[in-house]
């Protein structure tokens, strides 16, 4: 799922931390950010908030984790 305009950063990262499997953001350039890593989280959030935030796509290795992000998107319609 593509993400952009995340203003609820703390809520988003809390969901990442609660996930069982791997959670990654991938750019169109092939960059992969492992969101389970705190360092990667800082870089990925900066990318999401920056000019290229609309070029990032979220992937979850565990399908039950995807539901958490779907709920997040439904509760925060401003996130695209």
PDB file of N, CA and C in Angstrom:
ATOM      1  N   UNK A   1       0.835  -1.167   0.000  1.00  0.00           N
ATOM      2  CA  UNK A   1       0.000   0.000   0.000  1.00  0.00           C
ATOM      3  C   UNK A   1       0.883   1.235   0.000  1.00  0.00           C
ATOM      4  N   UNK A   2       0.527   2.207  -0.796  1.00  0.00           N
ATOM      5  CA  UNK A   2       1.295   3.447  -0.879  1.00  0.00           C
ATOM      6  C   UNK A   2       0.881   4.376   0.250  1.00  0.00           C
ATOM      7  N   UNK A   3       1.859   5.087   0.773  1.00  0.00           N
ATOM      8  CA  UNK A   3       1.620   5.993   1.879  1.00  0.00           C
ATOM      9  C   UNK A   3       2.187   7.362   1.573  1.00  0.00           C
ATOM     10  N   UNK A   4       1.503   8.377   2.048  1.00  0.00           N
ATOM     11  CA  UNK A   4       2.021   9.740   2.013  1.00  0.00           C
ATOM     12  C   UNK A   4       1.226  10.573   3.005  1.00  0.00           C
ATOM     13  N   UNK A   5       1.763  11.706   3.339  1.00  0.00           N
ATOM     14  CA  UNK A   5       1.097  12.665   4.221  1.00  0.00           C
ATOM     15  C   UNK A   5       0.777  12.090   5.593  1.00  0.00           C
ATOM     16  N   UNK A   6       1.713  11.375   6.178  1.00  0.00           N
ATOM     17  CA  UNK A   6       1.500  10.847   7.525  1.00  0.00           C
ATOM     18  C   UNK A   6       1.857  11.930   8.529  1.00  0.00           C
ATOM     19  N   UNK A   7       0.860  12.407   9.243  1.00  0.00           N
ATOM     20  CA  UNK A   7       1.083  13.385  10.299  1.00  0.00           C
ATOM     21  C   UNK A   7       1.059  12.719  11.669  1.00  0.00           C
ATOM     22  N   UNK A   8       0.482  11.523  11.762  1.00  0.00           N
ATOM     23  CA  UNK A   8       0.367  10.776  13.005  1.00  0.00           C
ATOM     24  C   UNK A   8       1.559   9.829  13.134  1.00  0.00           C
ATOM     25  N   UNK A   9       2.741  10.390  13.194  1.00  0.00           N
ATOM     26  CA  UNK A   9       3.967   9.604  13.165  1.00  0.00           C
ATOM     27  C   UNK A   9       4.050   8.660  14.358  1.00  0.00           C
ATOM     28  N   UNK A  10       3.762   9.159  15.559  1.00  0.00           N
ATOM     29  CA  UNK A  10       3.866   8.307  16.747  1.00  0.00           C
ATOM     30  C   UNK A  10       2.901   7.133  16.681  1.00  0.00           C
ATOM     31  N   UNK A  11       1.679   7.384  16.225  1.00  0.00           N
ATOM     32  CA  UNK A  11       0.690   6.313  16.092  1.00  0.00           C
ATOM     33  C   UNK A  11       1.149   5.291  15.046  1.00  0.00           C
ATOM     34  N   UNK A  12       1.670   5.772  13.927  1.00  0.00           N
ATOM     35  CA  UNK A  12       2.166   4.909  12.867  1.00  0.00           C
ATOM     36  C   UNK A  12       3.294   4.017  13.386  1.00  0.00           C
ATOM     37  N   UNK A  13       4.254   4.607  14.114  1.00  0.00           N
ATOM     38  CA  UNK A  13       5.379   3.839  14.622  1.00  0.00           C
ATOM     39  C   UNK A  13       4.952   2.858  15.715  1.00  0.00           C
ATOM     40  N   UNK A  14       3.926   3.208  16.480  1.00  0.00           N
ATOM     41  CA  UNK A  14       3.401   2.274  17.480  1.00  0.00           C
ATOM     42  C   UNK A  14       2.821   1.041  16.801  1.00  0.00           C
ATOM     43  N   UNK A  15       2.181   1.235  15.669  1.00  0.00           N
ATOM     44  CA  UNK A  15       1.651   0.099  14.907  1.00  0.00           C
ATOM     45  C   UNK A  15       2.803  -0.759  14.395  1.00  0.00           C
ATOM     46  N   UNK A  16       3.831  -0.115  13.861  1.00  0.00           N
ATOM     47  CA  UNK A  16       5.008  -0.859  13.380  1.00  0.00           C
ATOM     48  C   UNK A  16       5.582  -1.708  14.510  1.00  0.00           C
ATOM     49  N   UNK A  17       5.732  -1.109  15.684  1.00  0.00           N
ATOM     50  CA  UNK A  17       6.310  -1.834  16.821  1.00  0.00           C
ATOM     51  C   UNK A  17       5.443  -3.009  17.261  1.00  0.00           C
ATOM     52  N   UNK A  18       4.136  -2.920  17.031  1.00  0.00           N
ATOM     53  CA  UNK A  18       3.233  -3.998  17.450  1.00  0.00           C
ATOM     54  C   UNK A  18       3.148  -5.138  16.433  1.00  0.00           C
ATOM     55  N   UNK A  19       3.740  -4.952  15.278  1.00  0.00           N
ATOM     56  CA  UNK A  19       3.658  -5.964  14.229  1.00  0.00           C
ATOM     57  C   UNK A  19       4.513  -7.185  14.556  1.00  0.00           C
ATOM     58  N   UNK A  20       4.003  -8.355  14.181  1.00  0.00           N
ATOM     59  CA  UNK A  20       4.711  -9.615  14.405  1.00  0.00           C
ATOM     60  C   UNK A  20       5.829  -9.822  13.386  1.00  0.00           C
ATOM     61  N   UNK A  21       5.534  -9.505  12.138  1.00  0.00           N
ATOM     62  CA  UNK A  21       6.487  -9.746  11.061  1.00  0.00           C
ATOM     63  C   UNK A  21       7.268  -8.503  10.687  1.00  0.00           C
ATOM     64  N   UNK A  22       8.002  -8.623   9.601  1.00  0.00           N
ATOM     65  CA  UNK A  22       8.781  -7.508   9.084  1.00  0.00           C
ATOM     66  C   UNK A  22       7.862  -6.485   8.426  1.00  0.00           C
ATOM     67  N   UNK A  23       8.224  -5.223   8.570  1.00  0.00           N
ATOM     68  CA  UNK A  23       7.494  -4.126   7.942  1.00  0.00           C
ATOM     69  C   UNK A  23       8.529  -3.289   7.209  1.00  0.00           C
ATOM     70  N   UNK A  24       8.328  -3.107   5.909  1.00  0.00           N
ATOM     71  CA  UNK A  24       9.294  -2.350   5.123  1.00  0.00           C
ATOM     72  C   UNK A  24       8.593  -1.289   4.293  1.00  0.00           C
ATOM     73  N   UNK A  25       9.333  -0.218   4.042  1.00  0.00           N
ATOM     74  CA  UNK A  25       8.924   0.788   3.072  1.00  0.00           C
ATOM     75  C   UNK A  25       9.888   0.678   1.907  1.00  0.00           C
ATOM     76  N   UNK A  26       9.361   0.731   0.707  1.00  0.00           N
ATOM     77  CA  UNK A  26      10.207   0.626  -0.487  1.00  0.00           C
ATOM     78  C   UNK A  26       9.958   1.814  -1.393  1.00  0.00           C
ATOM     79  N   UNK A  27      11.040   2.345  -1.922  1.00  0.00           N
ATOM     80  CA  UNK A  27      10.941   3.479  -2.835  1.00  0.00           C
ATOM     81  C   UNK A  27      10.970   2.990  -4.275  1.00  0.00           C
ATOM     82  N   UNK A  28      10.583   3.863  -5.186  1.00  0.00           N
ATOM     83  CA  UNK A  28      10.617   3.505  -6.605  1.00  0.00           C
ATOM     84  C   UNK A  28      12.058   3.328  -7.092  1.00  0.00           C
ATOM     85  N   UNK A  29      13.021   3.876  -6.342  1.00  0.00           N
ATOM     86  CA  UNK A  29      14.432   3.743  -6.698  1.00  0.00           C
ATOM     87  C   UNK A  29      15.039   2.443  -6.192  1.00  0.00           C
ATOM     88  N   UNK A  30      14.244   1.645  -5.445  1.00  0.00           N
ATOM     89  CA  UNK A  30      14.732   0.379  -4.941  1.00  0.00           C
ATOM     90  C   UNK A  30      15.241   0.418  -3.512  1.00  0.00           C
ATOM     91  N   UNK A  31      15.170   1.583  -2.874  1.00  0.00           N
ATOM     92  CA  UNK A  31      15.575   1.669  -1.473  1.00  0.00           C
ATOM     93  C   UNK A  31      14.565   0.920  -0.617  1.00  0.00           C
ATOM     94  N   UNK A  32      15.053   0.160   0.350  1.00  0.00           N
ATOM     95  CA  UNK A  32      14.187  -0.595   1.257  1.00  0.00           C
ATOM     96  C   UNK A  32      14.530  -0.187   2.683  1.00  0.00           C
ATOM     97  N   UNK A  33      13.508   0.266   3.419  1.00  0.00           N
ATOM     98  CA  UNK A  33      13.673   0.680   4.806  1.00  0.00           C
ATOM     99  C   UNK A  33      12.990  -0.340   5.704  1.00  0.00           C
ATOM    100  N   UNK A  34      13.764  -1.008   6.559  1.00  0.00           N
ATOM    101  CA  UNK A  34      13.227  -1.965   7.518  1.00  0.00           C
ATOM    102  C   UNK A  34      12.703  -1.162   8.711  1.00  0.00           C
ATOM    103  N   UNK A  35      11.388  -1.063   8.850  1.00  0.00           N
ATOM    104  CA  UNK A  35      10.806  -0.229   9.890  1.00  0.00           C
ATOM    105  C   UNK A  35      10.901  -0.839  11.286  1.00  0.00           C
ATOM    106  N   UNK A  36      11.400  -2.051  11.404  1.00  0.00           N
ATOM    107  CA  UNK A  36      11.640  -2.635  12.714  1.00  0.00           C
ATOM    108  C   UNK A  36      12.946  -2.103  13.315  1.00  0.00           C
ATOM    109  N   UNK A  37      13.774  -1.497  12.503  1.00  0.00           N
ATOM    110  CA  UNK A  37      15.024  -0.883  12.940  1.00  0.00           C
ATOM    111  C   UNK A  37      14.756   0.584  13.269  1.00  0.00           C
ATOM    112  N   UNK A  38      15.149   1.020  14.467  1.00  0.00           N
ATOM    113  CA  UNK A  38      14.916   2.412  14.884  1.00  0.00           C
ATOM    114  C   UNK A  38      15.634   3.395  13.962  1.00  0.00           C
ATOM    115  N   UNK A  39      16.844   3.079  13.548  1.00  0.00           N
ATOM    116  CA  UNK A  39      17.575   3.968  12.651  1.00  0.00           C
ATOM    117  C   UNK A  39      16.841   4.092  11.313  1.00  0.00           C
ATOM    118  N   UNK A  40      16.413   2.970  10.768  1.00  0.00           N
ATOM    119  CA  UNK A  40      15.671   2.992   9.507  1.00  0.00           C
ATOM    120  C   UNK A  40      14.349   3.739   9.652  1.00  0.00           C
ATOM    121  N   UNK A  41      13.730   3.659  10.845  1.00  0.00           N
ATOM    122  CA  UNK A  41      12.477   4.380  11.076  1.00  0.00           C
ATOM    123  C   UNK A  41      12.694   5.878  10.892  1.00  0.00           C
ATOM    124  N   UNK A  42      13.772   6.417  11.448  1.00  0.00           N
ATOM    125  CA  UNK A  42      14.041   7.848  11.328  1.00  0.00           C
ATOM    126  C   UNK A  42      14.226   8.252   9.868  1.00  0.00           C
ATOM    127  N   UNK A  43      14.977   7.453   9.138  1.00  0.00           N
ATOM    128  CA  UNK A  43      15.218   7.754   7.729  1.00  0.00           C
ATOM    129  C   UNK A  43      13.928   7.650   6.925  1.00  0.00           C
ATOM    130  N   UNK A  44      13.138   6.604   7.183  1.00  0.00           N
ATOM    131  CA  UNK A  44      11.895   6.391   6.441  1.00  0.00           C
ATOM    132  C   UNK A  44      10.871   7.473   6.748  1.00  0.00           C
ATOM    133  N   UNK A  45      10.759   7.875   8.004  1.00  0.00           N
ATOM    134  CA  UNK A  45       9.798   8.923   8.360  1.00  0.00           C
ATOM    135  C   UNK A  45      10.213  10.241   7.715  1.00  0.00           C
ATOM    136  N   UNK A  46      11.504  10.517   7.691  1.00  0.00           N
ATOM    137  CA  UNK A  46      11.973  11.722   7.008  1.00  0.00           C
ATOM    138  C   UNK A  46      11.609  11.669   5.526  1.00  0.00           C
ATOM    139  N   UNK A  47      11.733  10.491   4.921  1.00  0.00           N
ATOM    140  CA  UNK A  47      11.367  10.334   3.511  1.00  0.00           C
ATOM    141  C   UNK A  47       9.866  10.506   3.316  1.00  0.00           C
ATOM    142  N   UNK A  48       9.065   9.953   4.242  1.00  0.00           N
ATOM    143  CA  UNK A  48       7.612  10.086   4.132  1.00  0.00           C
ATOM    144  C   UNK A  48       7.166  11.542   4.256  1.00  0.00           C
ATOM    145  N   UNK A  49       7.839  12.282   5.109  1.00  0.00           N
ATOM    146  CA  UNK A  49       7.476  13.674   5.328  1.00  0.00           C
ATOM    147  C   UNK A  49       8.085  14.602   4.279  1.00  0.00           C
ATOM    148  N   UNK A  50       9.063  14.104   3.547  1.00  0.00           N
ATOM    149  CA  UNK A  50       9.760  14.921   2.559  1.00  0.00           C
ATOM    150  C   UNK A  50       9.074  14.938   1.208  1.00  0.00           C
ATOM    151  N   UNK A  51       9.803  15.398   0.219  1.00  0.00           N
ATOM    152  CA  UNK A  51       9.274  15.591  -1.126  1.00  0.00           C
ATOM    153  C   UNK A  51       8.896  14.286  -1.817  1.00  0.00           C
ATOM    154  N   UNK A  52       9.517  13.197  -1.456  1.00  0.00           N
ATOM    155  CA  UNK A  52       9.291  11.931  -2.166  1.00  0.00           C
ATOM    156  C   UNK A  52       8.441  10.956  -1.374  1.00  0.00           C
ATOM    157  N   UNK A  53       7.705  11.449  -0.404  1.00  0.00           N
ATOM    158  CA  UNK A  53       6.872  10.589   0.429  1.00  0.00           C
ATOM    159  C   UNK A  53       5.817   9.829  -0.342  1.00  0.00           C
ATOM    160  N   UNK A  54       5.358  10.392  -1.442  1.00  0.00           N
ATOM    161  CA  UNK A  54       4.317   9.724  -2.225  1.00  0.00           C
ATOM    162  C   UNK A  54       4.865   8.603  -3.098  1.00  0.00           C
ATOM    163  N   UNK A  55       6.168   8.391  -3.058  1.00  0.00           N
ATOM    164  CA  UNK A  55       6.783   7.341  -3.857  1.00  0.00           C
ATOM    165  C   UNK A  55       7.129   6.113  -3.021  1.00  0.00           C
ATOM    166  N   UNK A  56       6.662   6.046  -1.780  1.00  0.00           N
ATOM    167  CA  UNK A  56       6.993   4.943  -0.892  1.00  0.00           C
ATOM    168  C   UNK A  56       5.817   4.000  -0.729  1.00  0.00           C
ATOM    169  N   UNK A  57       6.129   2.721  -0.689  1.00  0.00           N
ATOM    170  CA  UNK A  57       5.091   1.708  -0.556  1.00  0.00           C
ATOM    171  C   UNK A  57       5.403   0.825   0.651  1.00  0.00           C
ATOM    172  N   UNK A  58       4.371   0.525   1.432  1.00  0.00           N
ATOM    173  CA  UNK A  58       4.496  -0.260   2.650  1.00  0.00           C
ATOM    174  C   UNK A  58       4.234  -1.733   2.358  1.00  0.00           C
ATOM    175  N   UNK A  59       5.084  -2.599   2.908  1.00  0.00           N
ATOM    176  CA  UNK A  59       4.921  -4.044   2.772  1.00  0.00           C
ATOM    177  C   UNK A  59       5.028  -4.691   4.147  1.00  0.00           C
ATOM    178  N   UNK A  60       4.174  -5.683   4.396  1.00  0.00           N
ATOM    179  CA  UNK A  60       4.191  -6.451   5.645  1.00  0.00           C
ATOM    180  C   UNK A  60       4.413  -7.917   5.301  1.00  0.00           C
ATOM    181  N   UNK A  61       5.307  -8.576   6.045  1.00  0.00           N
ATOM    182  CA  UNK A  61       5.554  -9.999   5.790  1.00  0.00           C
ATOM    183  C   UNK A  61       4.453 -10.873   6.397  1.00  0.00           C
ATOM    184  N   UNK A  62       3.739 -10.346   7.389  1.00  0.00           N
ATOM    185  CA  UNK A  62       2.650 -11.079   8.048  1.00  0.00           C
ATOM    186  C   UNK A  62       1.322 -10.427   7.660  1.00  0.00           C
ATOM    187  N   UNK A  63       0.434 -11.198   7.068  1.00  0.00           N
ATOM    188  CA  UNK A  63      -0.827 -10.630   6.575  1.00  0.00           C
ATOM    189  C   UNK A  63      -1.685 -10.048   7.695  1.00  0.00           C
ATOM    190  N   UNK A  64      -1.563 -10.549   8.925  1.00  0.00           N
ATOM    191  CA  UNK A  64      -2.355  -9.986  10.020  1.00  0.00           C
ATOM    192  C   UNK A  64      -1.894  -8.569  10.362  1.00  0.00           C
ATOM    193  N   UNK A  65      -0.633  -8.271  10.083  1.00  0.00           N
ATOM    194  CA  UNK A  65      -0.125  -6.915  10.315  1.00  0.00           C
ATOM    195  C   UNK A  65      -0.726  -5.911   9.333  1.00  0.00           C
ATOM    196  N   UNK A  66      -1.028  -6.359   8.136  1.00  0.00           N
ATOM    197  CA  UNK A  66      -1.619  -5.466   7.136  1.00  0.00           C
ATOM    198  C   UNK A  66      -2.933  -4.882   7.633  1.00  0.00           C
ATOM    199  N   UNK A  67      -3.714  -5.677   8.369  1.00  0.00           N
ATOM    200  CA  UNK A  67      -4.988  -5.214   8.904  1.00  0.00           C
ATOM    201  C   UNK A  67      -4.814  -4.047   9.853  1.00  0.00           C
ATOM    202  N   UNK A  68      -3.724  -4.042  10.610  1.00  0.00           N
ATOM    203  CA  UNK A  68      -3.448  -2.930  11.523  1.00  0.00           C
ATOM    204  C   UNK A  68      -3.269  -1.629  10.753  1.00  0.00           C
ATOM    205  N   UNK A  69      -2.574  -1.718   9.636  1.00  0.00           N
ATOM    206  CA  UNK A  69      -2.346  -0.516   8.838  1.00  0.00           C
ATOM    207  C   UNK A  69      -3.610  -0.097   8.082  1.00  0.00           C
ATOM    208  N   UNK A  70      -4.409  -1.065   7.688  1.00  0.00           N
ATOM    209  CA  UNK A  70      -5.679  -0.734   7.031  1.00  0.00           C
ATOM    210  C   UNK A  70      -6.587   0.020   8.006  1.00  0.00           C
ATOM    211  N   UNK A  71      -6.639  -0.421   9.260  1.00  0.00           N
ATOM    212  CA  UNK A  71      -7.415   0.285  10.282  1.00  0.00           C
ATOM    213  C   UNK A  71      -6.877   1.694  10.486  1.00  0.00           C
ATOM    214  N   UNK A  72      -5.551   1.830  10.519  1.00  0.00           N
ATOM    215  CA  UNK A  72      -4.918   3.130  10.657  1.00  0.00           C
ATOM    216  C   UNK A  72      -5.346   4.058   9.523  1.00  0.00           C
ATOM    217  N   UNK A  73      -5.350   3.540   8.298  1.00  0.00           N
ATOM    218  CA  UNK A  73      -5.742   4.351   7.147  1.00  0.00           C
ATOM    219  C   UNK A  73      -7.217   4.741   7.196  1.00  0.00           C
ATOM    220  N   UNK A  74      -8.069   3.834   7.666  1.00  0.00           N
ATOM    221  CA  UNK A  74      -9.494   4.151   7.769  1.00  0.00           C
ATOM    222  C   UNK A  74      -9.743   5.189   8.859  1.00  0.00           C
ATOM    223  N   UNK A  75      -9.000   5.126   9.944  1.00  0.00           N
ATOM    224  CA  UNK A  75      -9.169   6.083  11.045  1.00  0.00           C
ATOM    225  C   UNK A  75      -8.534   7.439  10.737  1.00  0.00           C
ATOM    226  N   UNK A  76      -7.645   7.473   9.771  1.00  0.00           N
ATOM    227  CA  UNK A  76      -6.940   8.702   9.401  1.00  0.00           C
ATOM    228  C   UNK A  76      -7.062   8.933   7.902  1.00  0.00           C
ATOM    229  N   UNK A  77      -8.228   9.402   7.456  1.00  0.00           N
ATOM    230  CA  UNK A  77      -8.458   9.533   6.009  1.00  0.00           C
ATOM    231  C   UNK A  77      -7.523  10.532   5.320  1.00  0.00           C
ATOM    232  N   UNK A  78      -6.845  11.380   6.082  1.00  0.00           N
ATOM    233  CA  UNK A  78      -5.904  12.318   5.467  1.00  0.00           C
ATOM    234  C   UNK A  78      -4.639  11.656   4.969  1.00  0.00           C
ATOM    235  N   UNK A  79      -4.347  10.467   5.508  1.00  0.00           N
ATOM    236  CA  UNK A  79      -3.187   9.700   5.052  1.00  0.00           C
ATOM    237  C   UNK A  79      -3.565   9.048   3.745  1.00  0.00           C
ATOM    238  N   UNK A  80      -2.704   9.165   2.783  1.00  0.00           N
ATOM    239  CA  UNK A  80      -3.023   8.601   1.469  1.00  0.00           C
ATOM    240  C   UNK A  80      -2.078   7.469   1.151  1.00  0.00           C
TER     241      UNK A  80
END
